[in-house]
PDB file of N, CA and C in Angstrom:
ATOM      1  N   UNK A   1       7.307  -6.530  25.488  1.00  0.00           N
ATOM      2  CA  UNK A   1       6.732  -7.115  24.353  1.00  0.00           C
ATOM      3  C   UNK A   1       5.557  -6.101  23.852  1.00  0.00           C
ATOM      4  N   UNK A   2       5.745  -5.816  22.567  1.00  0.00           N
ATOM      5  CA  UNK A   2       4.630  -4.777  22.099  1.00  0.00           C
ATOM      6  C   UNK A   2       3.260  -5.520  21.815  1.00  0.00           C
ATOM      7  N   UNK A   3       2.294  -4.951  22.141  1.00  0.00           N
ATOM      8  CA  UNK A   3       0.925  -5.497  21.899  1.00  0.00           C
ATOM      9  C   UNK A   3       0.532  -5.201  20.454  1.00  0.00           C
ATOM     10  N   UNK A   4      -0.301  -6.225  20.011  1.00  0.00           N
ATOM     11  CA  UNK A   4      -0.820  -6.094  18.663  1.00  0.00           C
ATOM     12  C   UNK A   4      -1.953  -5.097  18.621  1.00  0.00           C
ATOM     13  N   UNK A   5      -2.049  -4.180  17.667  1.00  0.00           N
ATOM     14  CA  UNK A   5      -3.137  -3.332  17.536  1.00  0.00           C
ATOM     15  C   UNK A   5      -4.552  -4.026  17.435  1.00  0.00           C
ATOM     16  N   UNK A   6      -5.611  -3.528  17.968  1.00  0.00           N
ATOM     17  CA  UNK A   6      -6.770  -4.126  17.948  1.00  0.00           C
ATOM     18  C   UNK A   6      -7.280  -4.012  16.458  1.00  0.00           C
ATOM     19  N   UNK A   7      -7.851  -5.204  16.070  1.00  0.00           N
ATOM     20  CA  UNK A   7      -8.410  -5.258  14.767  1.00  0.00           C
ATOM     21  C   UNK A   7      -9.810  -4.505  14.673  1.00  0.00           C
ATOM     22  N   UNK A   8      -9.873  -3.577  13.682  1.00  0.00           N
ATOM     23  CA  UNK A   8     -11.115  -2.954  13.469  1.00  0.00           C
ATOM     24  C   UNK A   8     -12.007  -3.670  12.444  1.00  0.00           C
ATOM     25  N   UNK A   9     -13.152  -4.002  12.963  1.00  0.00           N
ATOM     26  CA  UNK A   9     -14.132  -4.697  12.045  1.00  0.00           C
ATOM     27  C   UNK A   9     -15.181  -3.764  11.445  1.00  0.00           C
ATOM     28  N   UNK A  10     -15.001  -3.596  10.105  1.00  0.00           N
ATOM     29  CA  UNK A  10     -16.037  -2.574   9.496  1.00  0.00           C
ATOM     30  C   UNK A  10     -17.230  -3.278   9.177  1.00  0.00           C
ATOM     31  N   UNK A  11     -18.278  -2.547   8.961  1.00  0.00           N
ATOM     32  CA  UNK A  11     -19.700  -2.966   8.641  1.00  0.00           C
ATOM     33  C   UNK A  11     -20.124  -2.340   7.323  1.00  0.00           C
ATOM     34  N   UNK A  12     -21.256  -2.776   6.785  1.00  0.00           N
ATOM     35  CA  UNK A  12     -21.755  -2.269   5.609  1.00  0.00           C
ATOM     36  C   UNK A  12     -22.137  -0.732   5.794  1.00  0.00           C
ATOM     37  N   UNK A  13     -22.529  -0.341   6.941  1.00  0.00           N
ATOM     38  CA  UNK A  13     -22.752   1.118   7.179  1.00  0.00           C
ATOM     39  C   UNK A  13     -21.376   1.969   7.003  1.00  0.00           C
ATOM     40  N   UNK A  14     -20.225   1.380   7.415  1.00  0.00           N
ATOM     41  CA  UNK A  14     -19.017   1.946   7.193  1.00  0.00           C
ATOM     42  C   UNK A  14     -18.609   2.109   5.722  1.00  0.00           C
ATOM     43  N   UNK A  15     -18.985   0.974   5.103  1.00  0.00           N
ATOM     44  CA  UNK A  15     -18.761   0.865   3.567  1.00  0.00           C
ATOM     45  C   UNK A  15     -19.452   2.066   2.920  1.00  0.00           C
ATOM     46  N   UNK A  16     -20.696   2.307   3.337  1.00  0.00           N
ATOM     47  CA  UNK A  16     -21.508   3.314   2.659  1.00  0.00           C
ATOM     48  C   UNK A  16     -21.000   4.770   2.817  1.00  0.00           C
ATOM     49  N   UNK A  17     -20.119   4.960   3.871  1.00  0.00           N
ATOM     50  CA  UNK A  17     -19.568   6.377   4.130  1.00  0.00           C
ATOM     51  C   UNK A  17     -18.290   6.575   3.241  1.00  0.00           C
ATOM     52  N   UNK A  18     -17.789   5.523   2.525  1.00  0.00           N
ATOM     53  CA  UNK A  18     -16.668   5.812   1.758  1.00  0.00           C
ATOM     54  C   UNK A  18     -17.050   6.617   0.494  1.00  0.00           C
ATOM     55  N   UNK A  19     -15.982   7.339  -0.034  1.00  0.00           N
ATOM     56  CA  UNK A  19     -16.128   8.272  -1.170  1.00  0.00           C
ATOM     57  C   UNK A  19     -16.311   7.392  -2.467  1.00  0.00           C
ATOM     58  N   UNK A  20     -17.077   7.928  -3.366  1.00  0.00           N
ATOM     59  CA  UNK A  20     -17.156   7.283  -4.666  1.00  0.00           C
ATOM     60  C   UNK A  20     -16.065   7.773  -5.565  1.00  0.00           C
ATOM     61  N   UNK A  21     -14.948   7.079  -5.550  1.00  0.00           N
ATOM     62  CA  UNK A  21     -13.781   7.503  -6.214  1.00  0.00           C
ATOM     63  C   UNK A  21     -13.429   6.507  -7.333  1.00  0.00           C
ATOM     64  N   UNK A  22     -14.260   5.770  -7.832  1.00  0.00           N
ATOM     65  CA  UNK A  22     -14.056   4.733  -8.947  1.00  0.00           C
ATOM     66  C   UNK A  22     -13.278   3.590  -8.520  1.00  0.00           C
ATOM     67  N   UNK A  23     -12.828   3.383  -7.186  1.00  0.00           N
ATOM     68  CA  UNK A  23     -12.358   2.239  -6.655  1.00  0.00           C
ATOM     69  C   UNK A  23     -13.495   1.239  -6.289  1.00  0.00           C
ATOM     70  N   UNK A  24     -13.164   0.001  -6.291  1.00  0.00           N
ATOM     71  CA  UNK A  24     -14.092  -0.938  -5.723  1.00  0.00           C
ATOM     72  C   UNK A  24     -13.853  -1.287  -4.318  1.00  0.00           C
ATOM     73  N   UNK A  25     -14.691  -1.042  -3.453  1.00  0.00           N
ATOM     74  CA  UNK A  25     -14.656  -1.307  -2.051  1.00  0.00           C
ATOM     75  C   UNK A  25     -15.495  -2.534  -1.657  1.00  0.00           C
ATOM     76  N   UNK A  26     -14.925  -3.532  -1.032  1.00  0.00           N
ATOM     77  CA  UNK A  26     -15.649  -4.741  -0.568  1.00  0.00           C
ATOM     78  C   UNK A  26     -15.214  -5.011   0.829  1.00  0.00           C
ATOM     79  N   UNK A  27     -16.136  -5.799   1.604  1.00  0.00           N
ATOM     80  CA  UNK A  27     -15.741  -6.153   2.890  1.00  0.00           C
ATOM     81  C   UNK A  27     -15.699  -7.687   2.948  1.00  0.00           C
ATOM     82  N   UNK A  28     -14.661  -8.293   3.499  1.00  0.00           N
ATOM     83  CA  UNK A  28     -14.570  -9.583   3.677  1.00  0.00           C
ATOM     84  C   UNK A  28     -14.303  -9.983   5.278  1.00  0.00           C
ATOM     85  N   UNK A  29     -15.357 -10.308   5.921  1.00  0.00           N
ATOM     86  CA  UNK A  29     -15.381 -10.440   7.376  1.00  0.00           C
ATOM     87  C   UNK A  29     -14.841  -9.208   8.107  1.00  0.00           C
ATOM     88  N   UNK A  30     -15.290  -8.070   7.645  1.00  0.00           N
ATOM     89  CA  UNK A  30     -15.059  -6.915   8.334  1.00  0.00           C
ATOM     90  C   UNK A  30     -13.709  -6.193   7.813  1.00  0.00           C
ATOM     91  N   UNK A  31     -12.941  -6.700   6.999  1.00  0.00           N
ATOM     92  CA  UNK A  31     -11.786  -6.263   6.529  1.00  0.00           C
ATOM     93  C   UNK A  31     -11.977  -5.615   5.131  1.00  0.00           C
ATOM     94  N   UNK A  32     -11.534  -4.360   4.990  1.00  0.00           N
ATOM     95  CA  UNK A  32     -11.720  -3.559   3.738  1.00  0.00           C
ATOM     96  C   UNK A  32     -10.812  -4.092   2.631  1.00  0.00           C
ATOM     97  N   UNK A  33     -11.326  -4.259   1.559  1.00  0.00           N
ATOM     98  CA  UNK A  33     -10.483  -4.720   0.256  1.00  0.00           C
ATOM     99  C   UNK A  33     -10.763  -3.608  -0.765  1.00  0.00           C
ATOM    100  N   UNK A  34      -9.746  -2.974  -1.295  1.00  0.00           N
ATOM    101  CA  UNK A  34      -9.856  -1.976  -2.286  1.00  0.00           C
ATOM    102  C   UNK A  34      -9.227  -2.333  -3.482  1.00  0.00           C
ATOM    103  N   UNK A  35      -9.834  -2.283  -4.611  1.00  0.00           N
ATOM    104  CA  UNK A  35      -9.239  -2.532  -5.950  1.00  0.00           C
ATOM    105  C   UNK A  35      -9.529  -1.288  -6.903  1.00  0.00           C
ATOM    106  N   UNK A  36      -8.612  -1.125  -7.838  1.00  0.00           N
ATOM    107  CA  UNK A  36      -8.867  -0.011  -8.712  1.00  0.00           C
ATOM    108  C   UNK A  36      -9.915  -0.311  -9.705  1.00  0.00           C
ATOM    109  N   UNK A  37     -10.364   0.617 -10.409  1.00  0.00           N
ATOM    110  CA  UNK A  37     -11.321   0.458 -11.513  1.00  0.00           C
ATOM    111  C   UNK A  37     -10.667  -0.542 -12.574  1.00  0.00           C
ATOM    112  N   UNK A  38     -11.510  -1.310 -13.025  1.00  0.00           N
ATOM    113  CA  UNK A  38     -11.148  -2.309 -14.048  1.00  0.00           C
ATOM    114  C   UNK A  38     -10.704  -1.672 -15.348  1.00  0.00           C
ATOM    115  N   UNK A  39      -9.843  -2.405 -16.083  1.00  0.00           N
ATOM    116  CA  UNK A  39      -9.320  -1.836 -17.301  1.00  0.00           C
ATOM    117  C   UNK A  39     -10.249  -2.250 -18.491  1.00  0.00           C
ATOM    118  N   UNK A  40      -9.907  -1.745 -19.713  1.00  0.00           N
ATOM    119  CA  UNK A  40     -10.819  -1.933 -20.805  1.00  0.00           C
ATOM    120  C   UNK A  40     -11.022  -3.268 -21.230  1.00  0.00           C
ATOM    121  N   UNK A  41      -9.934  -4.122 -21.233  1.00  0.00           N
ATOM    122  CA  UNK A  41     -10.012  -5.543 -21.623  1.00  0.00           C
ATOM    123  C   UNK A  41     -10.951  -6.193 -20.672  1.00  0.00           C
ATOM    124  N   UNK A  42     -10.891  -5.908 -19.420  1.00  0.00           N
ATOM    125  CA  UNK A  42     -11.752  -6.500 -18.384  1.00  0.00           C
ATOM    126  C   UNK A  42     -13.241  -6.127 -18.609  1.00  0.00           C
ATOM    127  N   UNK A  43     -13.392  -4.854 -18.877  1.00  0.00           N
ATOM    128  CA  UNK A  43     -14.799  -4.360 -19.092  1.00  0.00           C
ATOM    129  C   UNK A  43     -15.351  -5.035 -20.316  1.00  0.00           C
ATOM    130  N   UNK A  44     -14.580  -5.144 -21.424  1.00  0.00           N
ATOM    131  CA  UNK A  44     -15.009  -5.755 -22.600  1.00  0.00           C
ATOM    132  C   UNK A  44     -15.454  -7.261 -22.393  1.00  0.00           C
ATOM    133  N   UNK A  45     -14.565  -7.920 -21.772  1.00  0.00           N
ATOM    134  CA  UNK A  45     -14.949  -9.321 -21.453  1.00  0.00           C
ATOM    135  C   UNK A  45     -16.230  -9.421 -20.652  1.00  0.00           C
ATOM    136  N   UNK A  46     -16.313  -8.559 -19.699  1.00  0.00           N
ATOM    137  CA  UNK A  46     -17.424  -8.510 -18.750  1.00  0.00           C
ATOM    138  C   UNK A  46     -18.787  -8.170 -19.481  1.00  0.00           C
ATOM    139  N   UNK A  47     -18.796  -7.241 -20.369  1.00  0.00           N
ATOM    140  CA  UNK A  47     -19.930  -6.947 -21.143  1.00  0.00           C
ATOM    141  C   UNK A  47     -20.338  -7.945 -22.200  1.00  0.00           C
ATOM    142  N   UNK A  48     -19.350  -8.604 -22.780  1.00  0.00           N
ATOM    143  CA  UNK A  48     -19.622  -9.744 -23.628  1.00  0.00           C
ATOM    144  C   UNK A  48     -20.262 -10.861 -23.008  1.00  0.00           C
ATOM    145  N   UNK A  49     -19.643 -11.227 -21.828  1.00  0.00           N
ATOM    146  CA  UNK A  49     -20.156 -12.313 -21.014  1.00  0.00           C
ATOM    147  C   UNK A  49     -21.640 -12.022 -20.516  1.00  0.00           C
ATOM    148  N   UNK A  50     -21.790 -10.789 -19.957  1.00  0.00           N
ATOM    149  CA  UNK A  50     -23.091 -10.443 -19.518  1.00  0.00           C
ATOM    150  C   UNK A  50     -24.141 -10.420 -20.520  1.00  0.00           C
ATOM    151  N   UNK A  51     -23.813  -9.978 -21.791  1.00  0.00           N
ATOM    152  CA  UNK A  51     -24.754 -10.015 -22.918  1.00  0.00           C
ATOM    153  C   UNK A  51     -25.244 -11.408 -23.237  1.00  0.00           C
ATOM    154  N   UNK A  52     -24.304 -12.397 -23.333  1.00  0.00           N
ATOM    155  CA  UNK A  52     -24.488 -13.677 -23.660  1.00  0.00           C
ATOM    156  C   UNK A  52     -25.471 -14.315 -22.618  1.00  0.00           C
ATOM    157  N   UNK A  53     -25.049 -14.172 -21.410  1.00  0.00           N
ATOM    158  CA  UNK A  53     -25.722 -14.769 -20.232  1.00  0.00           C
ATOM    159  C   UNK A  53     -27.118 -14.146 -20.129  1.00  0.00           C
ATOM    160  N   UNK A  54     -27.322 -12.883 -20.321  1.00  0.00           N
ATOM    161  CA  UNK A  54     -28.517 -12.102 -20.178  1.00  0.00           C
ATOM    162  C   UNK A  54     -29.536 -12.681 -21.324  1.00  0.00           C
ATOM    163  N   UNK A  55     -29.097 -12.799 -22.481  1.00  0.00           N
ATOM    164  CA  UNK A  55     -29.856 -13.344 -23.664  1.00  0.00           C
ATOM    165  C   UNK A  55     -30.395 -14.771 -23.270  1.00  0.00           C
ATOM    166  N   UNK A  56     -29.448 -15.611 -22.776  1.00  0.00           N
ATOM    167  CA  UNK A  56     -29.899 -16.980 -22.461  1.00  0.00           C
ATOM    168  C   UNK A  56     -30.908 -17.004 -21.212  1.00  0.00           C
ATOM    169  N   UNK A  57     -30.611 -16.272 -20.252  1.00  0.00           N
ATOM    170  CA  UNK A  57     -31.387 -16.302 -19.100  1.00  0.00           C
ATOM    171  C   UNK A  57     -32.891 -15.680 -19.329  1.00  0.00           C
ATOM    172  N   UNK A  58     -32.765 -14.526 -20.154  1.00  0.00           N
ATOM    173  CA  UNK A  58     -34.154 -14.025 -20.579  1.00  0.00           C
ATOM    174  C   UNK A  58     -34.949 -14.962 -21.477  1.00  0.00           C
ATOM    175  N   UNK A  59     -34.315 -15.477 -22.374  1.00  0.00           N
ATOM    176  CA  UNK A  59     -34.976 -16.381 -23.326  1.00  0.00           C
ATOM    177  C   UNK A  59     -35.670 -17.621 -22.614  1.00  0.00           C
ATOM    178  N   UNK A  60     -34.860 -18.020 -21.493  1.00  0.00           N
ATOM    179  CA  UNK A  60     -35.384 -19.315 -20.919  1.00  0.00           C
ATOM    180  C   UNK A  60     -36.118 -18.913 -19.497  1.00  0.00           C
ATOM    181  N   UNK A  61     -36.342 -17.611 -19.303  1.00  0.00           N
ATOM    182  CA  UNK A  61     -37.039 -17.177 -18.084  1.00  0.00           C
ATOM    183  C   UNK A  61     -36.583 -17.805 -16.812  1.00  0.00           C
ATOM    184  N   UNK A  62     -35.168 -17.643 -16.722  1.00  0.00           N
ATOM    185  CA  UNK A  62     -34.586 -18.261 -15.587  1.00  0.00           C
ATOM    186  C   UNK A  62     -34.335 -17.265 -14.384  1.00  0.00           C
ATOM    187  N   UNK A  63     -34.317 -16.063 -14.577  1.00  0.00           N
ATOM    188  CA  UNK A  63     -34.197 -15.088 -13.527  1.00  0.00           C
ATOM    189  C   UNK A  63     -33.640 -13.804 -14.054  1.00  0.00           C
ATOM    190  N   UNK A  64     -32.728 -13.202 -13.409  1.00  0.00           N
ATOM    191  CA  UNK A  64     -32.083 -12.002 -13.853  1.00  0.00           C
ATOM    192  C   UNK A  64     -30.630 -11.903 -13.884  1.00  0.00           C
ATOM    193  N   UNK A  65     -29.976 -11.217 -14.700  1.00  0.00           N
ATOM    194  CA  UNK A  65     -28.580 -11.012 -14.756  1.00  0.00           C
ATOM    195  C   UNK A  65     -28.223  -9.518 -14.434  1.00  0.00           C
ATOM    196  N   UNK A  66     -27.412  -9.352 -13.400  1.00  0.00           N
ATOM    197  CA  UNK A  66     -27.129  -8.001 -13.056  1.00  0.00           C
ATOM    198  C   UNK A  66     -25.641  -7.749 -13.163  1.00  0.00           C
ATOM    199  N   UNK A  67     -25.268  -6.446 -13.237  1.00  0.00           N
ATOM    200  CA  UNK A  67     -23.820  -6.123 -13.414  1.00  0.00           C
ATOM    201  C   UNK A  67     -23.480  -5.078 -12.336  1.00  0.00           C
ATOM    202  N   UNK A  68     -22.204  -4.897 -12.144  1.00  0.00           N
ATOM    203  CA  UNK A  68     -21.665  -3.937 -11.245  1.00  0.00           C
ATOM    204  C   UNK A  68     -22.062  -2.548 -11.617  1.00  0.00           C
ATOM    205  N   UNK A  69     -22.172  -1.631 -10.745  1.00  0.00           N
ATOM    206  CA  UNK A  69     -22.016  -1.823  -9.270  1.00  0.00           C
ATOM    207  C   UNK A  69     -23.376  -2.321  -8.642  1.00  0.00           C
ATOM    208  N   UNK A  70     -23.190  -3.360  -7.839  1.00  0.00           N
ATOM    209  CA  UNK A  70     -24.254  -4.081  -7.263  1.00  0.00           C
ATOM    210  C   UNK A  70     -23.700  -4.767  -6.033  1.00  0.00           C
ATOM    211  N   UNK A  71     -24.104  -4.220  -4.860  1.00  0.00           N
ATOM    212  CA  UNK A  71     -23.663  -4.833  -3.548  1.00  0.00           C
ATOM    213  C   UNK A  71     -24.304  -6.204  -3.317  1.00  0.00           C
ATOM    214  N   UNK A  72     -23.616  -7.201  -2.924  1.00  0.00           N
ATOM    215  CA  UNK A  72     -24.188  -8.472  -2.443  1.00  0.00           C
ATOM    216  C   UNK A  72     -23.873  -8.655  -1.016  1.00  0.00           C
ATOM    217  N   UNK A  73     -24.828  -8.689  -0.157  1.00  0.00           N
ATOM    218  CA  UNK A  73     -24.744  -8.825   1.236  1.00  0.00           C
ATOM    219  C   UNK A  73     -24.672 -10.386   1.715  1.00  0.00           C
ATOM    220  N   UNK A  74     -23.636 -10.791   2.331  1.00  0.00           N
ATOM    221  CA  UNK A  74     -23.653 -12.090   2.912  1.00  0.00           C
ATOM    222  C   UNK A  74     -23.921 -11.957   4.443  1.00  0.00           C
ATOM    223  N   UNK A  75     -23.416 -10.802   4.991  1.00  0.00           N
ATOM    224  CA  UNK A  75     -23.605 -10.483   6.367  1.00  0.00           C
ATOM    225  C   UNK A  75     -23.307  -9.100   6.494  1.00  0.00           C
ATOM    226  N   UNK A  76     -23.490  -8.467   7.745  1.00  0.00           N
ATOM    227  CA  UNK A  76     -23.254  -6.990   7.910  1.00  0.00           C
ATOM    228  C   UNK A  76     -21.655  -6.674   7.685  1.00  0.00           C
ATOM    229  N   UNK A  77     -20.828  -7.813   7.784  1.00  0.00           N
ATOM    230  CA  UNK A  77     -19.422  -7.496   7.627  1.00  0.00           C
ATOM    231  C   UNK A  77     -18.828  -8.151   6.381  1.00  0.00           C
ATOM    232  N   UNK A  78     -19.523  -8.748   5.606  1.00  0.00           N
ATOM    233  CA  UNK A  78     -19.090  -9.302   4.278  1.00  0.00           C
ATOM    234  C   UNK A  78     -20.071  -8.869   3.149  1.00  0.00           C
ATOM    235  N   UNK A  79     -19.508  -7.915   2.406  1.00  0.00           N
ATOM    236  CA  UNK A  79     -20.335  -7.314   1.276  1.00  0.00           C
ATOM    237  C   UNK A  79     -19.371  -7.216  -0.003  1.00  0.00           C
ATOM    238  N   UNK A  80     -19.840  -7.931  -1.051  1.00  0.00           N
ATOM    239  CA  UNK A  80     -18.946  -7.935  -2.201  1.00  0.00           C
ATOM    240  C   UNK A  80     -19.735  -7.205  -3.357  1.00  0.00           C
ATOM    241  N   UNK A  81     -18.896  -6.859  -4.464  1.00  0.00           N
ATOM    242  CA  UNK A  81     -19.497  -6.269  -5.580  1.00  0.00           C
ATOM    243  C   UNK A  81     -18.905  -7.041  -6.877  1.00  0.00           C
ATOM    244  N   UNK A  82     -19.679  -8.139  -7.117  1.00  0.00           N
ATOM    245  CA  UNK A  82     -19.238  -8.873  -8.429  1.00  0.00           C
ATOM    246  C   UNK A  82     -19.464  -8.118  -9.708  1.00  0.00           C
ATOM    247  N   UNK A  83     -18.649  -8.474 -10.682  1.00  0.00           N
ATOM    248  CA  UNK A  83     -18.808  -7.897 -11.969  1.00  0.00           C
ATOM    249  C   UNK A  83     -20.124  -8.221 -12.598  1.00  0.00           C
ATOM    250  N   UNK A  84     -20.542  -9.456 -12.294  1.00  0.00           N
ATOM    251  CA  UNK A  84     -21.685 -10.137 -12.904  1.00  0.00           C
ATOM    252  C   UNK A  84     -22.367 -11.026 -11.931  1.00  0.00           C
ATOM    253  N   UNK A  85     -23.645 -10.935 -11.909  1.00  0.00           N
ATOM    254  CA  UNK A  85     -24.459 -11.637 -10.895  1.00  0.00           C
ATOM    255  C   UNK A  85     -25.736 -12.255 -11.592  1.00  0.00           C
ATOM    256  N   UNK A  86     -25.885 -13.620 -11.341  1.00  0.00           N
ATOM    257  CA  UNK A  86     -27.074 -14.216 -11.713  1.00  0.00           C
ATOM    258  C   UNK A  86     -28.029 -14.477 -10.596  1.00  0.00           C
ATOM    259  N   UNK A  87     -29.300 -13.998 -10.647  1.00  0.00           N
ATOM    260  CA  UNK A  87     -30.294 -14.276  -9.530  1.00  0.00           C
ATOM    261  C   UNK A  87     -31.327 -15.119 -10.150  1.00  0.00           C
ATOM    262  N   UNK A  88     -31.444 -16.311  -9.705  1.00  0.00           N
ATOM    263  CA  UNK A  88     -32.366 -17.253 -10.312  1.00  0.00           C
ATOM    264  C   UNK A  88     -33.817 -16.608  -9.868  1.00  0.00           C
ATOM    265  N   UNK A  89     -34.897 -17.064 -10.741  1.00  0.00           N
ATOM    266  CA  UNK A  89     -36.207 -16.571 -10.442  1.00  0.00           C
ATOM    267  C   UNK A  89     -36.619 -16.987  -9.071  1.00  0.00           C
ATOM    268  N   UNK A  90     -36.299 -18.051  -8.630  1.00  0.00           N
ATOM    269  CA  UNK A  90     -36.724 -18.471  -7.278  1.00  0.00           C
ATOM    270  C   UNK A  90     -36.040 -17.552  -6.231  1.00  0.00           C
ATOM    271  N   UNK A  91     -34.780 -17.242  -6.352  1.00  0.00           N
ATOM    272  CA  UNK A  91     -34.039 -16.399  -5.411  1.00  0.00           C
ATOM    273  C   UNK A  91     -34.530 -14.859  -5.551  1.00  0.00           C
ATOM    274  N   UNK A  92     -34.913 -14.512  -6.711  1.00  0.00           N
ATOM    275  CA  UNK A  92     -35.260 -13.034  -7.042  1.00  0.00           C
ATOM    276  C   UNK A  92     -36.524 -12.711  -6.011  1.00  0.00           C
ATOM    277  N   UNK A  93     -37.255 -13.688  -5.649  1.00  0.00           N
ATOM    278  CA  UNK A  93     -38.374 -13.450  -4.826  1.00  0.00           C
ATOM    279  C   UNK A  93     -37.963 -13.063  -3.406  1.00  0.00           C
ATOM    280  N   UNK A  94     -36.787 -13.407  -2.992  1.00  0.00           N
ATOM    281  CA  UNK A  94     -36.271 -13.107  -1.631  1.00  0.00           C
ATOM    282  C   UNK A  94     -35.366 -11.971  -1.657  1.00  0.00           C
ATOM    283  N   UNK A  95     -35.009 -11.394  -2.774  1.00  0.00           N
ATOM    284  CA  UNK A  95     -34.081 -10.221  -2.788  1.00  0.00           C
ATOM    285  C   UNK A  95     -34.790  -9.039  -2.162  1.00  0.00           C
ATOM    286  N   UNK A  96     -34.092  -8.323  -1.380  1.00  0.00           N
ATOM    287  CA  UNK A  96     -34.655  -7.101  -0.735  1.00  0.00           C
ATOM    288  C   UNK A  96     -34.467  -5.949  -1.753  1.00  0.00           C
ATOM    289  N   UNK A  97     -35.440  -4.998  -1.663  1.00  0.00           N
ATOM    290  CA  UNK A  97     -35.392  -3.755  -2.373  1.00  0.00           C
ATOM    291  C   UNK A  97     -34.059  -3.013  -1.958  1.00  0.00           C
ATOM    292  N   UNK A  98     -33.298  -2.542  -3.051  1.00  0.00           N
ATOM    293  CA  UNK A  98     -32.038  -1.922  -2.841  1.00  0.00           C
ATOM    294  C   UNK A  98     -30.909  -2.890  -2.740  1.00  0.00           C
ATOM    295  N   UNK A  99     -31.063  -4.092  -2.546  1.00  0.00           N
ATOM    296  CA  UNK A  99     -30.061  -5.150  -2.705  1.00  0.00           C
ATOM    297  C   UNK A  99     -30.205  -5.998  -4.002  1.00  0.00           C
ATOM    298  N   UNK A 100     -29.032  -6.321  -4.583  1.00  0.00           N
ATOM    299  CA  UNK A 100     -29.168  -7.149  -5.748  1.00  0.00           C
ATOM    300  C   UNK A 100     -29.612  -8.573  -5.290  1.00  0.00           C
ATOM    301  N   UNK A 101     -28.990  -9.040  -4.253  1.00  0.00           N
ATOM    302  CA  UNK A 101     -29.321 -10.417  -3.853  1.00  0.00           C
ATOM    303  C   UNK A 101     -28.877 -10.485  -2.371  1.00  0.00           C
ATOM    304  N   UNK A 102     -29.492 -11.392  -1.637  1.00  0.00           N
ATOM    305  CA  UNK A 102     -29.240 -11.644  -0.295  1.00  0.00           C
ATOM    306  C   UNK A 102     -28.909 -13.116  -0.058  1.00  0.00           C
ATOM    307  N   UNK A 103     -27.617 -13.417   0.257  1.00  0.00           N
ATOM    308  CA  UNK A 103     -27.431 -14.897   0.415  1.00  0.00           C
ATOM    309  C   UNK A 103     -27.725 -15.834  -0.634  1.00  0.00           C
ATOM    310  N   UNK A 104     -27.387 -15.469  -1.845  1.00  0.00           N
ATOM    311  CA  UNK A 104     -27.513 -16.303  -3.075  1.00  0.00           C
ATOM    312  C   UNK A 104     -26.885 -17.746  -2.709  1.00  0.00           C
ATOM    313  N   UNK A 105     -27.661 -18.864  -2.996  1.00  0.00           N
ATOM    314  CA  UNK A 105     -27.231 -20.083  -2.606  1.00  0.00           C
ATOM    315  C   UNK A 105     -25.938 -20.398  -3.292  1.00  0.00           C
ATOM    316  N   UNK A 106     -24.967 -20.886  -2.617  1.00  0.00           N
ATOM    317  CA  UNK A 106     -23.661 -21.269  -3.070  1.00  0.00           C
ATOM    318  C   UNK A 106     -22.679 -20.175  -3.327  1.00  0.00           C
ATOM    319  N   UNK A 107     -23.129 -18.998  -3.480  1.00  0.00           N
ATOM    320  CA  UNK A 107     -22.328 -17.894  -3.746  1.00  0.00           C
ATOM    321  C   UNK A 107     -21.423 -17.510  -2.491  1.00  0.00           C
ATOM    322  N   UNK A 108     -21.916 -17.613  -1.292  1.00  0.00           N
ATOM    323  CA  UNK A 108     -21.211 -17.354  -0.189  1.00  0.00           C
ATOM    324  C   UNK A 108     -19.939 -18.343  -0.002  1.00  0.00           C
ATOM    325  N   UNK A 109     -20.219 -19.662  -0.169  1.00  0.00           N
ATOM    326  CA  UNK A 109     -19.145 -20.549  -0.142  1.00  0.00           C
ATOM    327  C   UNK A 109     -18.192 -20.362  -1.178  1.00  0.00           C
ATOM    328  N   UNK A 110     -18.555 -19.992  -2.416  1.00  0.00           N
ATOM    329  CA  UNK A 110     -17.609 -19.658  -3.557  1.00  0.00           C
ATOM    330  C   UNK A 110     -16.750 -18.390  -3.251  1.00  0.00           C
ATOM    331  N   UNK A 111     -17.273 -17.447  -2.633  1.00  0.00           N
ATOM    332  CA  UNK A 111     -16.509 -16.258  -2.219  1.00  0.00           C
ATOM    333  C   UNK A 111     -15.456 -16.631  -1.225  1.00  0.00           C
ATOM    334  N   UNK A 112     -15.823 -17.420  -0.155  1.00  0.00           N
ATOM    335  CA  UNK A 112     -14.960 -17.834   0.790  1.00  0.00           C
ATOM    336  C   UNK A 112     -13.749 -18.761   0.199  1.00  0.00           C
ATOM    337  N   UNK A 113     -14.173 -19.604  -0.726  1.00  0.00           N
ATOM    338  CA  UNK A 113     -13.232 -20.598  -1.379  1.00  0.00           C
ATOM    339  C   UNK A 113     -12.200 -19.700  -2.139  1.00  0.00           C
ATOM    340  N   UNK A 114     -12.621 -18.755  -2.856  1.00  0.00           N
ATOM    341  CA  UNK A 114     -11.729 -17.926  -3.692  1.00  0.00           C
ATOM    342  C   UNK A 114     -10.690 -17.167  -2.880  1.00  0.00           C
ATOM    343  N   UNK A 115     -11.058 -16.776  -1.580  1.00  0.00           N
ATOM    344  CA  UNK A 115     -10.064 -16.051  -0.807  1.00  0.00           C
ATOM    345  C   UNK A 115      -9.999 -14.635  -1.398  1.00  0.00           C
ATOM    346  N   UNK A 116      -8.785 -14.080  -1.495  1.00  0.00           N
ATOM    347  CA  UNK A 116      -8.492 -12.774  -1.927  1.00  0.00           C
ATOM    348  C   UNK A 116      -8.860 -12.622  -3.459  1.00  0.00           C
ATOM    349  N   UNK A 117      -9.508 -11.655  -3.809  1.00  0.00           N
ATOM    350  CA  UNK A 117      -9.762 -11.334  -5.220  1.00  0.00           C
ATOM    351  C   UNK A 117      -8.629 -10.817  -5.935  1.00  0.00           C
ATOM    352  N   UNK A 118      -8.695 -11.034  -7.229  1.00  0.00           N
ATOM    353  CA  UNK A 118      -7.626 -10.414  -8.118  1.00  0.00           C
ATOM    354  C   UNK A 118      -7.603  -9.007  -8.116  1.00  0.00           C
TER     355      UNK A 118
END
């Protein structure tokens, strides 16, 4: 009986070593996920949504709206790069320099619930 290959668990430090080749690299519980650069329709929708959200958040002093590329660290082995990220004023105070956000409330559960990204 053939043995299963040992699973390699990658970390954020491993992710930093990858080439900047326009692909999106994310880690889900140590497993590397690679997606190609987004198309023009996706980018157009993303910029339109981020503009609307940014104007609303800024006018109401609710926090910050950030766009990719921006790593969100849930753990050393789960790091995602959302197209758009809202960081409330309360959560912005706990964001680390160099990170967009760390353990945004509810976002970790949402990422788990979504499973594989499109």
